[in-house]
Amino acid sequence: MSANAPIVVHRISASGGRRVTVRDQIMGLAHSDEDLLEFLRQAGLPDAADLLDDPTWIEWVGDRRHEYDPLEIIP
C-alpha cells in the first residue's frame, strides 16, 4: 500500500460496500468495481480501469481487493 495514493478504497463495511475517498474527499460507497470506476470518472479520471491495481494511485485498505461483500460469519 502507498500512504501517498490519492485514492483510498476503505475496508468493507459490516453491511457491504467500501467507502471511496479521492484526495480525502468522500466520493461514496462502492458496491462493485463499476461503482468505483464511476466515482473515479466523477473525480476526473475517465479511463481509470488500468489504475485499479496500481498502488501509486489506489490504496486498498484490507486484504481483499475488488471485494465488496462483507465476510460471511459462520456460527
N, C-alpha and C. Protein backbone atom coordinates (compact mmCIF):
# COMPACT_ATOMS: atom_id res chain seq x y z
N MET A 1 0.83 -1.18 0.00
CA MET A 1 0.00 0.00 0.00
C MET A 1 0.87 1.24 0.00
N SER A 2 0.32 2.26 -0.58
CA SER A 2 1.05 3.51 -0.62
C SER A 2 0.34 4.54 0.24
N ALA A 3 1.06 5.09 1.21
CA ALA A 3 0.48 6.10 2.08
C ALA A 3 0.21 7.39 1.30
N ASN A 4 0.77 7.52 0.11
CA ASN A 4 0.61 8.72 -0.69
C ASN A 4 -0.37 8.57 -1.83
N ALA A 5 -1.05 7.43 -1.94
CA ALA A 5 -2.00 7.22 -3.02
C ALA A 5 -3.15 8.22 -2.89
N PRO A 6 -3.52 8.88 -3.99
CA PRO A 6 -4.59 9.88 -3.90
C PRO A 6 -5.98 9.28 -3.73
N ILE A 7 -6.12 7.99 -4.03
CA ILE A 7 -7.43 7.33 -3.95
C ILE A 7 -7.33 6.23 -2.91
N VAL A 8 -8.31 6.18 -2.00
CA VAL A 8 -8.34 5.14 -0.98
C VAL A 8 -9.67 4.41 -1.07
N VAL A 9 -9.60 3.09 -1.17
CA VAL A 9 -10.78 2.23 -1.09
C VAL A 9 -10.70 1.60 0.30
N HIS A 10 -11.59 2.03 1.17
CA HIS A 10 -11.52 1.65 2.57
C HIS A 10 -12.03 0.22 2.81
N ARG A 11 -11.87 -0.23 4.04
CA ARG A 11 -12.30 -1.59 4.41
C ARG A 11 -13.78 -1.81 4.09
N ILE A 12 -14.13 -3.07 3.89
CA ILE A 12 -15.52 -3.44 3.64
C ILE A 12 -16.32 -3.15 4.89
N SER A 13 -17.46 -2.46 4.72
CA SER A 13 -18.31 -2.17 5.87
C SER A 13 -19.07 -3.42 6.28
N ALA A 14 -19.59 -3.42 7.48
CA ALA A 14 -20.31 -4.59 8.01
C ALA A 14 -21.53 -4.93 7.16
N SER A 15 -22.13 -3.93 6.52
CA SER A 15 -23.31 -4.18 5.69
C SER A 15 -22.96 -4.32 4.21
N GLY A 16 -21.68 -4.24 3.88
CA GLY A 16 -21.23 -4.37 2.50
C GLY A 16 -20.90 -3.02 1.90
N GLY A 17 -20.08 -3.04 0.89
CA GLY A 17 -19.64 -1.82 0.24
C GLY A 17 -18.38 -1.26 0.88
N ARG A 18 -17.71 -0.41 0.14
CA ARG A 18 -16.47 0.21 0.60
C ARG A 18 -16.53 1.70 0.33
N ARG A 19 -16.20 2.47 1.35
CA ARG A 19 -16.12 3.92 1.18
C ARG A 19 -14.93 4.22 0.28
N VAL A 20 -15.12 5.20 -0.61
CA VAL A 20 -14.07 5.61 -1.53
C VAL A 20 -13.78 7.08 -1.29
N THR A 21 -12.50 7.40 -1.10
CA THR A 21 -12.10 8.79 -0.98
C THR A 21 -11.06 9.11 -2.04
N VAL A 22 -11.18 10.32 -2.58
CA VAL A 22 -10.21 10.82 -3.55
C VAL A 22 -9.64 12.11 -2.96
N ARG A 23 -8.36 12.08 -2.66
CA ARG A 23 -7.69 13.22 -2.01
C ARG A 23 -8.48 13.69 -0.79
N ASP A 24 -8.84 12.72 0.06
CA ASP A 24 -9.55 12.94 1.32
C ASP A 24 -10.99 13.43 1.16
N GLN A 25 -11.52 13.45 -0.05
CA GLN A 25 -12.92 13.80 -0.27
C GLN A 25 -13.71 12.51 -0.43
N ILE A 26 -14.76 12.33 0.36
CA ILE A 26 -15.59 11.13 0.26
C ILE A 26 -16.39 11.18 -1.03
N MET A 27 -16.23 10.15 -1.85
CA MET A 27 -16.96 10.07 -3.11
C MET A 27 -18.25 9.26 -2.97
N GLY A 28 -18.26 8.30 -2.05
CA GLY A 28 -19.45 7.48 -1.85
C GLY A 28 -19.08 6.08 -1.43
N LEU A 29 -20.08 5.20 -1.47
CA LEU A 29 -19.92 3.81 -1.07
C LEU A 29 -20.01 2.93 -2.32
N ALA A 30 -18.91 2.28 -2.65
CA ALA A 30 -18.86 1.42 -3.83
C ALA A 30 -19.27 0.00 -3.45
N HIS A 31 -20.10 -0.60 -4.28
CA HIS A 31 -20.51 -1.99 -4.09
C HIS A 31 -19.96 -2.89 -5.19
N SER A 32 -19.12 -2.30 -6.07
CA SER A 32 -18.52 -3.06 -7.18
C SER A 32 -17.40 -2.22 -7.79
N ASP A 33 -16.59 -2.86 -8.62
CA ASP A 33 -15.56 -2.12 -9.35
C ASP A 33 -16.21 -1.09 -10.28
N GLU A 34 -17.40 -1.41 -10.80
CA GLU A 34 -18.10 -0.47 -11.67
C GLU A 34 -18.45 0.81 -10.91
N ASP A 35 -18.91 0.67 -9.64
CA ASP A 35 -19.18 1.84 -8.81
C ASP A 35 -17.90 2.63 -8.59
N LEU A 36 -16.83 1.94 -8.28
CA LEU A 36 -15.54 2.59 -8.05
C LEU A 36 -15.11 3.37 -9.28
N LEU A 37 -15.23 2.76 -10.46
CA LEU A 37 -14.86 3.45 -11.69
C LEU A 37 -15.72 4.68 -11.94
N GLU A 38 -17.00 4.61 -11.58
CA GLU A 38 -17.88 5.77 -11.73
C GLU A 38 -17.43 6.91 -10.81
N PHE A 39 -17.05 6.59 -9.57
CA PHE A 39 -16.55 7.62 -8.66
C PHE A 39 -15.28 8.25 -9.22
N LEU A 40 -14.42 7.43 -9.80
CA LEU A 40 -13.18 7.95 -10.36
C LEU A 40 -13.45 8.80 -11.60
N ARG A 41 -14.45 8.41 -12.39
CA ARG A 41 -14.86 9.23 -13.54
C ARG A 41 -15.34 10.59 -13.05
N GLN A 42 -16.16 10.59 -11.99
CA GLN A 42 -16.67 11.84 -11.43
C GLN A 42 -15.53 12.71 -10.89
N ALA A 43 -14.46 12.08 -10.46
CA ALA A 43 -13.30 12.82 -9.93
C ALA A 43 -12.36 13.29 -11.04
N GLY A 44 -12.71 13.00 -12.31
CA GLY A 44 -11.90 13.48 -13.41
C GLY A 44 -10.96 12.46 -14.01
N LEU A 45 -11.15 11.18 -13.69
CA LEU A 45 -10.31 10.11 -14.24
C LEU A 45 -11.19 9.18 -15.10
N PRO A 46 -11.53 9.59 -16.33
CA PRO A 46 -12.46 8.81 -17.14
C PRO A 46 -11.94 7.45 -17.58
N ASP A 47 -10.64 7.27 -17.65
CA ASP A 47 -10.04 6.00 -18.11
C ASP A 47 -9.29 5.33 -16.97
N ALA A 48 -9.94 5.16 -15.83
CA ALA A 48 -9.26 4.70 -14.61
C ALA A 48 -9.18 3.19 -14.47
N ALA A 49 -9.75 2.41 -15.37
CA ALA A 49 -9.75 0.95 -15.22
C ALA A 49 -8.35 0.39 -15.03
N ASP A 50 -7.37 0.96 -15.72
CA ASP A 50 -6.00 0.47 -15.61
C ASP A 50 -5.34 0.85 -14.28
N LEU A 51 -5.98 1.74 -13.52
CA LEU A 51 -5.39 2.20 -12.26
C LEU A 51 -5.81 1.37 -11.06
N LEU A 52 -6.80 0.49 -11.20
CA LEU A 52 -7.37 -0.20 -10.05
C LEU A 52 -6.36 -1.02 -9.26
N ASP A 53 -5.34 -1.53 -9.90
CA ASP A 53 -4.33 -2.33 -9.20
C ASP A 53 -2.97 -1.63 -9.12
N ASP A 54 -2.97 -0.32 -9.35
CA ASP A 54 -1.74 0.46 -9.29
C ASP A 54 -1.64 1.14 -7.92
N PRO A 55 -0.74 0.66 -7.06
CA PRO A 55 -0.65 1.20 -5.69
C PRO A 55 -0.19 2.65 -5.63
N THR A 56 0.33 3.20 -6.71
CA THR A 56 0.68 4.62 -6.69
C THR A 56 -0.57 5.49 -6.83
N TRP A 57 -1.66 4.90 -7.33
CA TRP A 57 -2.92 5.62 -7.50
C TRP A 57 -3.95 5.24 -6.45
N ILE A 58 -4.07 3.93 -6.16
CA ILE A 58 -5.15 3.45 -5.29
C ILE A 58 -4.59 2.62 -4.15
N GLU A 59 -4.99 2.98 -2.94
CA GLU A 59 -4.67 2.19 -1.76
C GLU A 59 -5.93 1.41 -1.37
N TRP A 60 -5.83 0.09 -1.39
CA TRP A 60 -6.92 -0.78 -0.95
C TRP A 60 -6.66 -1.10 0.51
N VAL A 61 -7.53 -0.66 1.39
CA VAL A 61 -7.38 -0.93 2.82
C VAL A 61 -8.04 -2.27 3.11
N GLY A 62 -7.30 -3.17 3.73
CA GLY A 62 -7.78 -4.54 3.92
C GLY A 62 -7.09 -5.43 2.89
N ASP A 63 -7.32 -6.70 2.97
CA ASP A 63 -6.55 -7.62 2.13
C ASP A 63 -7.35 -8.21 0.98
N ARG A 64 -8.55 -7.71 0.71
CA ARG A 64 -9.38 -8.30 -0.35
C ARG A 64 -9.70 -7.25 -1.41
N ARG A 65 -8.80 -7.05 -2.34
CA ARG A 65 -9.06 -6.12 -3.44
C ARG A 65 -10.22 -6.62 -4.28
N HIS A 66 -10.99 -5.69 -4.80
CA HIS A 66 -12.10 -5.99 -5.71
C HIS A 66 -13.22 -6.78 -5.03
N GLU A 67 -13.23 -6.84 -3.72
CA GLU A 67 -14.30 -7.50 -2.97
C GLU A 67 -15.09 -6.41 -2.24
N TYR A 68 -16.41 -6.56 -2.25
CA TYR A 68 -17.26 -5.53 -1.66
C TYR A 68 -18.28 -6.09 -0.68
N ASP A 69 -18.46 -7.40 -0.67
CA ASP A 69 -19.42 -8.03 0.23
C ASP A 69 -18.76 -8.33 1.56
N PRO A 70 -19.51 -8.17 2.67
CA PRO A 70 -18.93 -8.48 3.98
C PRO A 70 -18.64 -9.97 4.11
N LEU A 71 -17.69 -10.29 4.96
CA LEU A 71 -17.37 -11.69 5.21
C LEU A 71 -18.59 -12.38 5.81
N GLU A 72 -18.82 -13.59 5.39
CA GLU A 72 -19.91 -14.37 5.95
C GLU A 72 -19.44 -14.92 7.30
N ILE A 73 -20.23 -14.67 8.33
CA ILE A 73 -19.88 -15.14 9.66
C ILE A 73 -20.46 -16.53 9.86
N ILE A 74 -19.61 -17.48 10.17
CA ILE A 74 -20.05 -18.86 10.38
C ILE A 74 -20.24 -19.08 11.87
N PRO A 75 -21.43 -19.53 12.28
CA PRO A 75 -21.68 -19.72 13.72
C PRO A 75 -20.84 -20.81 14.34
